Amino acid sequence: MSRNLFATVMTYAAPSSNYRGESEENRTIMQKITRGSKEHTIISPESMRNALREILALNTPCNRSRLHNEDQLAVEFKEFPNPDKYADDFLFGYMVADPKAVKENKGKPAKRDSVFRMNMAVSLTPYRFNATFHQSPKNAGNSPFQNSANSALLHREVSHTAYQYPFALAQADCETKPDWTRALLKGIAELSNVAGGHARSYYEMSPASIVARLTPSLVAGYDTYGFDEKGGFAELKRINQNDLPGDEFWIGGEIVRKMGEEERAALASQGVKLYENPQRLVADLTDAFLK
C-alpha cells in the first residue's frame, strides 16, 4: 500500500529579519500575514526551496542555479528541464513558457508539478513592532565607487521567534528516484542559508522539533500549523484508538526532550515513534518512507 508523508517542522527561536518586503523610505519591512487577530512574520516556501536546491546541488545533479552578478533576480538552466536527469526538475517541478524552446524540444514535457509540497513558514511569536537602527557609512577617500553622497541611517524590522512550516511527499511520486528523495529529506533536516536580509542573515530552518505522519491517508488529518508559542503541539492529544493512529506518527526533537514521563509512556503505548534528536528521526523516517 502506497503511503504519504506529512510533517510539520518547528525551528529554534532566534532574531530574524528574513524575507523582506518593499521598503518604506529607509525602513526595511518584514513580510507578514494575519493569524487570528495578530500579525505574524513569514518566510516564503520559494526561499526555502531555493536553499534546498543549493543543498541538493552539492551531491545530486541539478539543472537550475542562481546567477548572483545580474542586475535583477536571475537563474540559469543547463538545458531544457529533464526530471529523469536532474533532481531539482524531478522534485520541484518546472514550467517553460517560452514557445520557441517548447517547439525546439517537442516531445519533452514543458511543465511538471512539484513532487515536494511545502507551505510558507509562519512565526510562532506575533510581531511585536521591534526594529533596529544601523548606519551605513559613506564611501569616501580613494574608494573606487560611491553608493550615496552621504552616510545613511537604516531602519530594520526584526523579530525574535521560531517558525513552523509543513511539507508533504507521496511515496508513489518518489519511488523511482529514492536517492534524490533521500537527499531532499536530509536537506530539510539540515536546512540553513534560507535567503533573507540580502543573504546577510543567518537563520537555521532545520527542525528543533518535528511532528510527522506516515500514512495511506491522502491528507495529514491534523493541524499542520499546530505548534504553539511555547513549542507544544496540542493535536498530540488526539492520538488514540478512536482518532489518530499512533503507529503512523513520528515525533522528535525539543518537544520530546521536554515531555514528562507519563506523556511519553502514553504516546509510546499507542505506537508513536519518539526521538530526542530530530535529525535521527528524519533519517529513520526516510528509510521507512522509501522501503
C-alpha atoms as a PDB file:
ATOM      1  CA  MET A   1       0.000   0.000   0.000  1.00  0.00           C
ATOM      2  CA  SER A   2       1.382   3.390  -1.035  1.00  0.00           C
ATOM      3  CA  ARG A   3       1.841   5.849   1.811  1.00  0.00           C
ATOM      4  CA  ASN A   4       2.156   9.612   2.136  1.00  0.00           C
ATOM      5  CA  LEU A   5       4.464  11.606   4.362  1.00  0.00           C
ATOM      6  CA  PHE A   6       3.192  14.712   6.128  1.00  0.00           C
ATOM      7  CA  ALA A   7       5.343  16.700   8.544  1.00  0.00           C
ATOM      8  CA  THR A   8       5.481  19.979  10.424  1.00  0.00           C
ATOM      9  CA  VAL A   9       8.870  21.433  11.326  1.00  0.00           C
ATOM     10  CA  MET A  10       9.411  23.927  14.124  1.00  0.00           C
ATOM     11  CA  THR A  11      12.727  25.794  14.106  1.00  0.00           C
ATOM     12  CA  TYR A  12      14.673  27.147  17.047  1.00  0.00           C
ATOM     13  CA  ALA A  13      13.924  30.738  18.016  1.00  0.00           C
ATOM     14  CA  ALA A  14      16.447  33.404  17.020  1.00  0.00           C
ATOM     15  CA  PRO A  15      16.436  37.054  15.923  1.00  0.00           C
ATOM     16  CA  SER A  16      15.184  37.277  12.359  1.00  0.00           C
ATOM     17  CA  SER A  17      14.895  39.937   9.705  1.00  0.00           C
ATOM     18  CA  ASN A  18      14.392  37.433   6.906  1.00  0.00           C
ATOM     19  CA  TYR A  19      12.103  37.668   3.919  1.00  0.00           C
ATOM     20  CA  ARG A  20      11.744  41.366   3.392  1.00  0.00           C
ATOM     21  CA  GLY A  21       9.031  43.161   1.514  1.00  0.00           C
ATOM     22  CA  GLU A  22       9.097  46.583  -0.086  1.00  0.00           C
ATOM     23  CA  SER A  23      10.974  49.177   1.940  1.00  0.00           C
ATOM     24  CA  GLU A  24       9.271  52.275   3.264  1.00  0.00           C
ATOM     25  CA  GLU A  25      11.735  55.183   2.988  1.00  0.00           C
ATOM     26  CA  ASN A  26      14.756  53.757   4.867  1.00  0.00           C
ATOM     27  CA  ARG A  27      12.687  51.225   6.894  1.00  0.00           C
ATOM     28  CA  THR A  28      13.117  47.612   5.796  1.00  0.00           C
ATOM     29  CA  ILE A  29       9.819  45.765   6.151  1.00  0.00           C
ATOM     30  CA  MET A  30       9.377  42.097   7.062  1.00  0.00           C
ATOM     31  CA  GLN A  31       6.528  40.424   5.217  1.00  0.00           C
ATOM     32  CA  LYS A  32       3.617  39.366   7.422  1.00  0.00           C
ATOM     33  CA  ILE A  33       0.229  37.704   7.456  1.00  0.00           C
ATOM     34  CA  THR A  34      -2.608  37.912   9.970  1.00  0.00           C
ATOM     35  CA  ARG A  35      -3.184  34.789  12.045  1.00  0.00           C
ATOM     36  CA  GLY A  36      -6.206  35.131  14.272  1.00  0.00           C
ATOM     37  CA  SER A  37      -6.108  38.762  15.328  1.00  0.00           C
ATOM     38  CA  LYS A  38      -2.301  39.181  15.304  1.00  0.00           C
ATOM     39  CA  GLU A  39       0.379  39.756  12.700  1.00  0.00           C
ATOM     40  CA  HIS A  40       2.974  37.044  12.204  1.00  0.00           C
ATOM     41  CA  THR A  41       6.118  37.296  10.093  1.00  0.00           C
ATOM     42  CA  ILE A  42       6.575  34.749   7.311  1.00  0.00           C
ATOM     43  CA  ILE A  43       9.276  33.165   5.181  1.00  0.00           C
ATOM     44  CA  SER A  44       8.230  32.017   1.724  1.00  0.00           C
ATOM     45  CA  PRO A  45       8.386  28.404   0.549  1.00  0.00           C
ATOM     46  CA  GLU A  46      10.198  29.689  -2.541  1.00  0.00           C
ATOM     47  CA  SER A  47      13.117  30.943  -0.444  1.00  0.00           C
ATOM     48  CA  MET A  48      13.310  27.625   1.434  1.00  0.00           C
ATOM     49  CA  ARG A  49      13.093  25.644  -1.792  1.00  0.00           C
ATOM     50  CA  ASN A  50      15.954  27.701  -3.220  1.00  0.00           C
ATOM     51  CA  ALA A  51      18.097  26.808  -0.202  1.00  0.00           C
ATOM     52  CA  LEU A  52      17.146  23.149  -0.678  1.00  0.00           C
ATOM     53  CA  ARG A  53      18.212  23.368  -4.340  1.00  0.00           C
ATOM     54  CA  GLU A  54      21.621  24.602  -3.245  1.00  0.00           C
ATOM     55  CA  ILE A  55      21.927  21.756  -0.731  1.00  0.00           C
ATOM     56  CA  LEU A  56      20.853  19.202  -3.342  1.00  0.00           C
ATOM     57  CA  ALA A  57      23.368  20.600  -5.826  1.00  0.00           C
ATOM     58  CA  LEU A  58      26.204  19.563  -3.504  1.00  0.00           C
ATOM     59  CA  ASN A  59      25.560  15.855  -4.089  1.00  0.00           C
ATOM     60  CA  THR A  60      22.972  15.448  -6.854  1.00  0.00           C
ATOM     61  CA  PRO A  61      22.690  16.672 -10.477  1.00  0.00           C
ATOM     62  CA  CYS A  62      20.692  19.926 -10.600  1.00  0.00           C
ATOM     63  CA  ASN A  63      19.600  21.913 -13.623  1.00  0.00           C
ATOM     64  CA  ARG A  64      18.950  25.356 -12.151  1.00  0.00           C
ATOM     65  CA  SER A  65      21.426  27.640 -10.412  1.00  0.00           C
ATOM     66  CA  ARG A  66      21.378  31.244  -9.211  1.00  0.00           C
ATOM     67  CA  LEU A  67      23.290  33.971 -11.066  1.00  0.00           C
ATOM     68  CA  HIS A  68      24.440  36.483  -8.475  1.00  0.00           C
ATOM     69  CA  ASN A  69      26.000  39.113 -10.745  1.00  0.00           C
ATOM     70  CA  GLU A  70      22.904  40.099 -12.729  1.00  0.00           C
ATOM     71  CA  ASP A  71      21.070  43.401 -12.189  1.00  0.00           C
ATOM     72  CA  GLN A  72      17.940  41.519 -11.070  1.00  0.00           C
ATOM     73  CA  LEU A  73      16.968  38.157  -9.606  1.00  0.00           C
ATOM     74  CA  ALA A  74      18.195  35.634 -12.159  1.00  0.00           C
ATOM     75  CA  VAL A  75      18.712  31.892 -12.622  1.00  0.00           C
ATOM     76  CA  GLU A  76      20.386  29.762 -15.267  1.00  0.00           C
ATOM     77  CA  PHE A  77      19.294  26.353 -16.572  1.00  0.00           C
ATOM     78  CA  LYS A  78      21.874  23.984 -18.031  1.00  0.00           C
ATOM     79  CA  GLU A  79      19.337  22.658 -20.528  1.00  0.00           C
ATOM     80  CA  PHE A  80      15.629  22.133 -21.142  1.00  0.00           C
ATOM     81  CA  PRO A  81      14.139  20.640 -17.953  1.00  0.00           C
ATOM     82  CA  ASN A  82      14.566  16.904 -17.606  1.00  0.00           C
ATOM     83  CA  PRO A  83      13.143  15.184 -14.475  1.00  0.00           C
ATOM     84  CA  ASP A  84      14.937  11.949 -15.345  1.00  0.00           C
ATOM     85  CA  LYS A  85      18.321  13.670 -15.342  1.00  0.00           C
ATOM     86  CA  TYR A  86      18.072  16.434 -12.728  1.00  0.00           C
ATOM     87  CA  ALA A  87      16.989  16.145  -9.102  1.00  0.00           C
ATOM     88  CA  ASP A  88      15.583  19.684  -8.888  1.00  0.00           C
ATOM     89  CA  ASP A  89      13.445  19.220 -12.011  1.00  0.00           C
ATOM     90  CA  PHE A  90      12.139  15.940 -10.587  1.00  0.00           C
ATOM     91  CA  LEU A  91      11.428  17.154  -7.051  1.00  0.00           C
ATOM     92  CA  PHE A  92      10.385  20.786  -7.533  1.00  0.00           C
ATOM     93  CA  GLY A  93       8.778  20.776 -10.964  1.00  0.00           C
ATOM     94  CA  TYR A  94       9.024  23.493 -13.597  1.00  0.00           C
ATOM     95  CA  MET A  95       7.177  25.372 -16.309  1.00  0.00           C
ATOM     96  CA  VAL A  96       8.615  26.520 -19.633  1.00  0.00           C
ATOM     97  CA  ALA A  97       6.556  29.362 -21.115  1.00  0.00           C
ATOM     98  CA  ASP A  98       8.963  30.135 -23.985  1.00  0.00           C
ATOM     99  CA  PRO A  99       7.140  28.873 -27.136  1.00  0.00           C
ATOM    100  CA  LYS A 100      10.372  28.686 -29.139  1.00  0.00           C
ATOM    101  CA  ALA A 101      12.053  26.469 -26.541  1.00  0.00           C
ATOM    102  CA  VAL A 102       8.943  24.284 -26.273  1.00  0.00           C
ATOM    103  CA  LYS A 103       8.829  23.860 -30.048  1.00  0.00           C
ATOM    104  CA  GLU A 104      12.540  23.024 -30.239  1.00  0.00           C
ATOM    105  CA  ASN A 105      12.087  20.378 -27.551  1.00  0.00           C
ATOM    106  CA  LYS A 106       8.927  18.826 -28.917  1.00  0.00           C
ATOM    107  CA  GLY A 107       8.080  15.623 -27.107  1.00  0.00           C
ATOM    108  CA  LYS A 108       9.562  16.798 -23.807  1.00  0.00           C
ATOM    109  CA  PRO A 109       7.036  17.986 -21.181  1.00  0.00           C
ATOM    110  CA  ALA A 110       7.063  21.779 -20.843  1.00  0.00           C
ATOM    111  CA  LYS A 111       5.691  21.680 -17.309  1.00  0.00           C
ATOM    112  CA  ARG A 112       5.691  19.389 -14.309  1.00  0.00           C
ATOM    113  CA  ASP A 113       4.044  19.604 -10.905  1.00  0.00           C
ATOM    114  CA  SER A 114       6.228  19.649  -7.835  1.00  0.00           C
ATOM    115  CA  VAL A 115       6.655  16.281  -6.105  1.00  0.00           C
ATOM    116  CA  PHE A 116       7.671  18.152  -2.957  1.00  0.00           C
ATOM    117  CA  ARG A 117       4.844  20.175  -1.436  1.00  0.00           C
ATOM    118  CA  MET A 118       5.709  22.877   1.082  1.00  0.00           C
ATOM    119  CA  ASN A 119       3.838  25.806   2.607  1.00  0.00           C
ATOM    120  CA  MET A 120       5.169  29.078   3.979  1.00  0.00           C
ATOM    121  CA  ALA A 121       6.905  29.308   7.337  1.00  0.00           C
ATOM    122  CA  VAL A 122       4.919  31.305   9.894  1.00  0.00           C
ATOM    123  CA  SER A 123       6.361  32.747  13.092  1.00  0.00           C
ATOM    124  CA  LEU A 124       5.236  31.228  16.377  1.00  0.00           C
ATOM    125  CA  THR A 125       5.516  34.596  18.138  1.00  0.00           C
ATOM    126  CA  PRO A 126       3.399  37.518  16.877  1.00  0.00           C
ATOM    127  CA  TYR A 127       5.313  40.501  15.518  1.00  0.00           C
ATOM    128  CA  ARG A 128       5.954  42.981  18.354  1.00  0.00           C
ATOM    129  CA  PHE A 129       6.923  46.007  16.243  1.00  0.00           C
ATOM    130  CA  ASN A 130      10.599  45.617  17.144  1.00  0.00           C
ATOM    131  CA  ALA A 131      13.146  47.390  14.980  1.00  0.00           C
ATOM    132  CA  THR A 132      16.840  48.187  14.990  1.00  0.00           C
ATOM    133  CA  PHE A 133      18.859  51.101  13.582  1.00  0.00           C
ATOM    134  CA  HIS A 134      22.142  50.801  11.696  1.00  0.00           C
ATOM    135  CA  GLN A 135      24.362  53.307   9.988  1.00  0.00           C
ATOM    136  CA  SER A 136      25.699  52.625   6.521  1.00  0.00           C
ATOM    137  CA  PRO A 137      28.981  54.526   6.030  1.00  0.00           C
ATOM    138  CA  LYS A 138      29.685  56.834   3.133  1.00  0.00           C
ATOM    139  CA  ASN A 139      32.260  55.509   0.673  1.00  0.00           C
ATOM    140  CA  ALA A 140      34.938  58.199   0.852  1.00  0.00           C
ATOM    141  CA  GLY A 141      38.658  58.755   0.351  1.00  0.00           C
ATOM    142  CA  ASN A 142      40.049  56.764  -2.574  1.00  0.00           C
ATOM    143  CA  SER A 143      37.064  54.410  -2.853  1.00  0.00           C
ATOM    144  CA  PRO A 144      36.605  53.296  -6.486  1.00  0.00           C
ATOM    145  CA  PHE A 145      32.818  53.731  -6.212  1.00  0.00           C
ATOM    146  CA  GLN A 146      30.306  55.760  -4.218  1.00  0.00           C
ATOM    147  CA  ASN A 147      26.874  54.347  -3.421  1.00  0.00           C
ATOM    148  CA  SER A 148      25.499  57.564  -1.964  1.00  0.00           C
ATOM    149  CA  ALA A 149      26.563  61.103  -1.253  1.00  0.00           C
ATOM    150  CA  ASN A 150      26.149  60.713   2.495  1.00  0.00           C
ATOM    151  CA  SER A 151      26.093  58.155   5.276  1.00  0.00           C
ATOM    152  CA  ALA A 152      22.630  56.604   5.673  1.00  0.00           C
ATOM    153  CA  LEU A 153      20.666  55.555   8.766  1.00  0.00           C
ATOM    154  CA  LEU A 154      18.992  52.180   8.136  1.00  0.00           C
ATOM    155  CA  HIS A 155      15.827  51.174   9.984  1.00  0.00           C
ATOM    156  CA  ARG A 156      15.192  47.402  10.045  1.00  0.00           C
ATOM    157  CA  GLU A 157      12.227  45.464  11.380  1.00  0.00           C
ATOM    158  CA  VAL A 158      13.261  42.428  13.405  1.00  0.00           C
ATOM    159  CA  SER A 159      11.514  39.630  15.288  1.00  0.00           C
ATOM    160  CA  HIS A 160      12.834  37.091  17.801  1.00  0.00           C
ATOM    161  CA  THR A 161      10.830  33.985  17.002  1.00  0.00           C
ATOM    162  CA  ALA A 162      10.756  30.379  15.920  1.00  0.00           C
ATOM    163  CA  TYR A 163       8.972  29.448  12.675  1.00  0.00           C
ATOM    164  CA  GLN A 164       6.889  26.445  11.684  1.00  0.00           C
ATOM    165  CA  TYR A 165       6.229  25.064   8.213  1.00  0.00           C
ATOM    166  CA  PRO A 166       4.612  21.902   6.811  1.00  0.00           C
ATOM    167  CA  PHE A 167       5.687  19.743   3.902  1.00  0.00           C
ATOM    168  CA  ALA A 168       4.347  16.633   2.179  1.00  0.00           C
ATOM    169  CA  LEU A 169       5.574  13.872  -0.125  1.00  0.00           C
ATOM    170  CA  ALA A 170       3.747  10.968  -1.786  1.00  0.00           C
ATOM    171  CA  GLN A 171       5.569   7.649  -1.767  1.00  0.00           C
ATOM    172  CA  ALA A 172       4.265   6.821  -5.250  1.00  0.00           C
ATOM    173  CA  ASP A 173       5.841  10.008  -6.642  1.00  0.00           C
ATOM    174  CA  CYS A 174       9.248   9.311  -5.116  1.00  0.00           C
ATOM    175  CA  GLU A 175       9.851   5.590  -5.608  1.00  0.00           C
ATOM    176  CA  THR A 176      11.584   5.999  -8.973  1.00  0.00           C
ATOM    177  CA  LYS A 177      14.219   8.329  -7.509  1.00  0.00           C
ATOM    178  CA  PRO A 178      14.877   7.186  -3.922  1.00  0.00           C
ATOM    179  CA  ASP A 179      18.391   8.639  -3.736  1.00  0.00           C
ATOM    180  CA  TRP A 180      17.161  12.107  -4.696  1.00  0.00           C
ATOM    181  CA  THR A 181      14.301  11.869  -2.209  1.00  0.00           C
ATOM    182  CA  ARG A 182      16.733  10.800   0.496  1.00  0.00           C
ATOM    183  CA  ALA A 183      18.955  13.811  -0.290  1.00  0.00           C
ATOM    184  CA  LEU A 184      15.942  16.133  -0.109  1.00  0.00           C
ATOM    185  CA  LEU A 185      14.844  14.888   3.314  1.00  0.00           C
ATOM    186  CA  LYS A 186      18.413  15.070   4.632  1.00  0.00           C
ATOM    187  CA  GLY A 187      18.493  18.655   3.345  1.00  0.00           C
ATOM    188  CA  ILE A 188      15.358  19.515   5.336  1.00  0.00           C
ATOM    189  CA  ALA A 189      16.931  18.012   8.451  1.00  0.00           C
ATOM    190  CA  GLU A 190      19.913  20.362   7.992  1.00  0.00           C
ATOM    191  CA  LEU A 191      18.235  23.313   6.307  1.00  0.00           C
ATOM    192  CA  SER A 192      20.002  26.671   6.592  1.00  0.00           C
ATOM    193  CA  ASN A 193      21.074  29.572   4.352  1.00  0.00           C
ATOM    194  CA  VAL A 194      17.481  30.393   3.506  1.00  0.00           C
ATOM    195  CA  ALA A 195      17.547  33.686   1.632  1.00  0.00           C
ATOM    196  CA  GLY A 196      16.807  36.745   3.711  1.00  0.00           C
ATOM    197  CA  GLY A 197      18.344  40.046   4.662  1.00  0.00           C
ATOM    198  CA  HIS A 198      20.076  40.118   1.282  1.00  0.00           C
ATOM    199  CA  ALA A 199      21.876  36.893   2.297  1.00  0.00           C
ATOM    200  CA  ARG A 200      23.401  38.556   5.361  1.00  0.00           C
ATOM    201  CA  SER A 201      21.030  36.930   7.831  1.00  0.00           C
ATOM    202  CA  TYR A 202      21.843  33.510   9.288  1.00  0.00           C
ATOM    203  CA  TYR A 203      18.730  31.728  10.472  1.00  0.00           C
ATOM    204  CA  GLU A 204      18.510  27.942  10.672  1.00  0.00           C
ATOM    205  CA  MET A 205      15.326  26.412   9.273  1.00  0.00           C
ATOM    206  CA  SER A 206      16.227  22.875  10.365  1.00  0.00           C
ATOM    207  CA  PRO A 207      13.946  21.226  12.921  1.00  0.00           C
ATOM    208  CA  ALA A 208      14.166  21.924  16.626  1.00  0.00           C
ATOM    209  CA  SER A 209      11.012  19.792  16.794  1.00  0.00           C
ATOM    210  CA  ILE A 210       9.170  17.783  14.170  1.00  0.00           C
ATOM    211  CA  VAL A 211       5.803  16.030  14.055  1.00  0.00           C
ATOM    212  CA  ALA A 212       5.362  13.641  11.124  1.00  0.00           C
ATOM    213  CA  ARG A 213       2.768  11.158   9.940  1.00  0.00           C
ATOM    214  CA  LEU A 214       3.447   8.292   7.519  1.00  0.00           C
ATOM    215  CA  THR A 215       0.025   7.140   6.378  1.00  0.00           C
ATOM    216  CA  PRO A 216      -2.101   5.796   3.492  1.00  0.00           C
ATOM    217  CA  SER A 217      -4.353   8.827   4.072  1.00  0.00           C
ATOM    218  CA  LEU A 218      -4.346  11.494   1.377  1.00  0.00           C
ATOM    219  CA  VAL A 219      -4.440  14.274   3.999  1.00  0.00           C
ATOM    220  CA  ALA A 220      -2.422  14.930   7.137  1.00  0.00           C
ATOM    221  CA  GLY A 221      -5.557  14.820   9.280  1.00  0.00           C
ATOM    222  CA  TYR A 222      -4.157  17.174  11.915  1.00  0.00           C
ATOM    223  CA  ASP A 223      -3.396  20.892  12.189  1.00  0.00           C
ATOM    224  CA  THR A 224      -0.233  21.264  10.127  1.00  0.00           C
ATOM    225  CA  TYR A 225       0.447  24.593  11.865  1.00  0.00           C
ATOM    226  CA  GLY A 226      -0.146  23.054  15.277  1.00  0.00           C
ATOM    227  CA  PHE A 227       2.867  24.282  17.259  1.00  0.00           C
ATOM    228  CA  ASP A 228       2.030  26.923  19.853  1.00  0.00           C
ATOM    229  CA  GLU A 229       4.254  29.755  21.045  1.00  0.00           C
ATOM    230  CA  LYS A 230       5.810  27.543  23.736  1.00  0.00           C
ATOM    231  CA  GLY A 231       6.610  24.732  21.294  1.00  0.00           C
ATOM    232  CA  GLY A 232       3.757  22.448  22.335  1.00  0.00           C
ATOM    233  CA  PHE A 233       1.585  20.560  19.845  1.00  0.00           C
ATOM    234  CA  ALA A 234      -1.976  20.235  21.148  1.00  0.00           C
ATOM    235  CA  GLU A 235      -3.021  17.820  18.380  1.00  0.00           C
ATOM    236  CA  LEU A 236      -0.960  15.076  20.035  1.00  0.00           C
ATOM    237  CA  LYS A 237      -3.853  14.656  22.487  1.00  0.00           C
ATOM    238  CA  ARG A 238      -5.863  13.243  19.587  1.00  0.00           C
ATOM    239  CA  ILE A 239      -3.571  10.223  19.244  1.00  0.00           C
ATOM    240  CA  ASN A 240      -5.673   7.334  20.474  1.00  0.00           C
ATOM    241  CA  GLN A 241      -7.558   4.328  19.113  1.00  0.00           C
ATOM    242  CA  ASN A 242     -10.652   6.440  18.373  1.00  0.00           C
ATOM    243  CA  ASP A 243      -8.966   9.274  16.452  1.00  0.00           C
ATOM    244  CA  LEU A 244      -5.378   9.451  15.114  1.00  0.00           C
ATOM    245  CA  PRO A 245      -3.472   6.130  14.868  1.00  0.00           C
ATOM    246  CA  GLY A 246      -0.313   6.364  16.937  1.00  0.00           C
ATOM    247  CA  ASP A 247       1.660   3.855  14.876  1.00  0.00           C
ATOM    248  CA  GLU A 248       1.656   6.342  11.988  1.00  0.00           C
ATOM    249  CA  PHE A 249       3.264   9.175  13.975  1.00  0.00           C
ATOM    250  CA  TRP A 250       6.899  10.137  14.422  1.00  0.00           C
ATOM    251  CA  ILE A 251       7.736  12.886  16.918  1.00  0.00           C
ATOM    252  CA  GLY A 252      11.200  14.233  17.578  1.00  0.00           C
ATOM    253  CA  GLY A 253      13.395  16.945  18.990  1.00  0.00           C
ATOM    254  CA  GLU A 254      12.809  19.504  21.686  1.00  0.00           C
ATOM    255  CA  ILE A 255       9.142  18.572  22.074  1.00  0.00           C
ATOM    256  CA  VAL A 256      10.155  15.037  23.106  1.00  0.00           C
ATOM    257  CA  ARG A 257      13.016  16.184  25.334  1.00  0.00           C
ATOM    258  CA  LYS A 258      10.558  18.358  27.277  1.00  0.00           C
ATOM    259  CA  MET A 259       7.899  15.665  27.638  1.00  0.00           C
ATOM    260  CA  GLY A 260       7.042  14.245  31.036  1.00  0.00           C
ATOM    261  CA  GLU A 261       7.464  10.535  31.580  1.00  0.00           C
ATOM    262  CA  GLU A 262       3.712   9.985  31.741  1.00  0.00           C
ATOM    263  CA  GLU A 263       3.067  11.623  28.351  1.00  0.00           C
ATOM    264  CA  ARG A 264       5.988   9.750  26.774  1.00  0.00           C
ATOM    265  CA  ALA A 265       4.679   6.450  28.071  1.00  0.00           C
ATOM    266  CA  ALA A 266       1.145   7.204  26.860  1.00  0.00           C
ATOM    267  CA  LEU A 267       2.319   8.046  23.336  1.00  0.00           C
ATOM    268  CA  ALA A 268       4.697   5.091  23.180  1.00  0.00           C
ATOM    269  CA  SER A 269       1.849   2.770  24.215  1.00  0.00           C
ATOM    270  CA  GLN A 270      -0.065   3.982  21.140  1.00  0.00           C
ATOM    271  CA  GLY A 271       2.865   3.063  18.888  1.00  0.00           C
ATOM    272  CA  VAL A 272       4.277   6.584  18.387  1.00  0.00           C
ATOM    273  CA  LYS A 273       7.983   6.685  17.479  1.00  0.00           C
ATOM    274  CA  LEU A 274       9.722   9.160  19.805  1.00  0.00           C
ATOM    275  CA  TYR A 275      13.161  10.641  19.149  1.00  0.00           C
ATOM    276  CA  GLU A 276      15.118  13.160  21.156  1.00  0.00           C
ATOM    277  CA  ASN A 277      17.221  14.006  18.094  1.00  0.00           C
ATOM    278  CA  PRO A 278      15.229  15.319  15.082  1.00  0.00           C
ATOM    279  CA  GLN A 279      17.968  14.561  12.531  1.00  0.00           C
ATOM    280  CA  ARG A 280      17.996  10.921  13.624  1.00  0.00           C
ATOM    281  CA  LEU A 281      14.205  10.834  13.312  1.00  0.00           C
ATOM    282  CA  VAL A 282      14.373  12.168   9.747  1.00  0.00           C
ATOM    283  CA  ALA A 283      16.989   9.552   8.803  1.00  0.00           C
ATOM    284  CA  ASP A 284      14.899   6.660  10.157  1.00  0.00           C
ATOM    285  CA  LEU A 285      11.669   8.122   8.780  1.00  0.00           C
ATOM    286  CA  THR A 286      13.309   8.365   5.341  1.00  0.00           C
ATOM    287  CA  ASP A 287      14.206   4.659   5.463  1.00  0.00           C
ATOM    288  CA  ALA A 288      10.615   3.765   6.414  1.00  0.00           C
ATOM    289  CA  PHE A 289       9.162   6.043   3.724  1.00  0.00           C
ATOM    290  CA  LEU A 290      11.335   4.673   0.916  1.00  0.00           C
ATOM    291  CA  LYS A 291      11.219   0.950   1.705  1.00  0.00           C
END
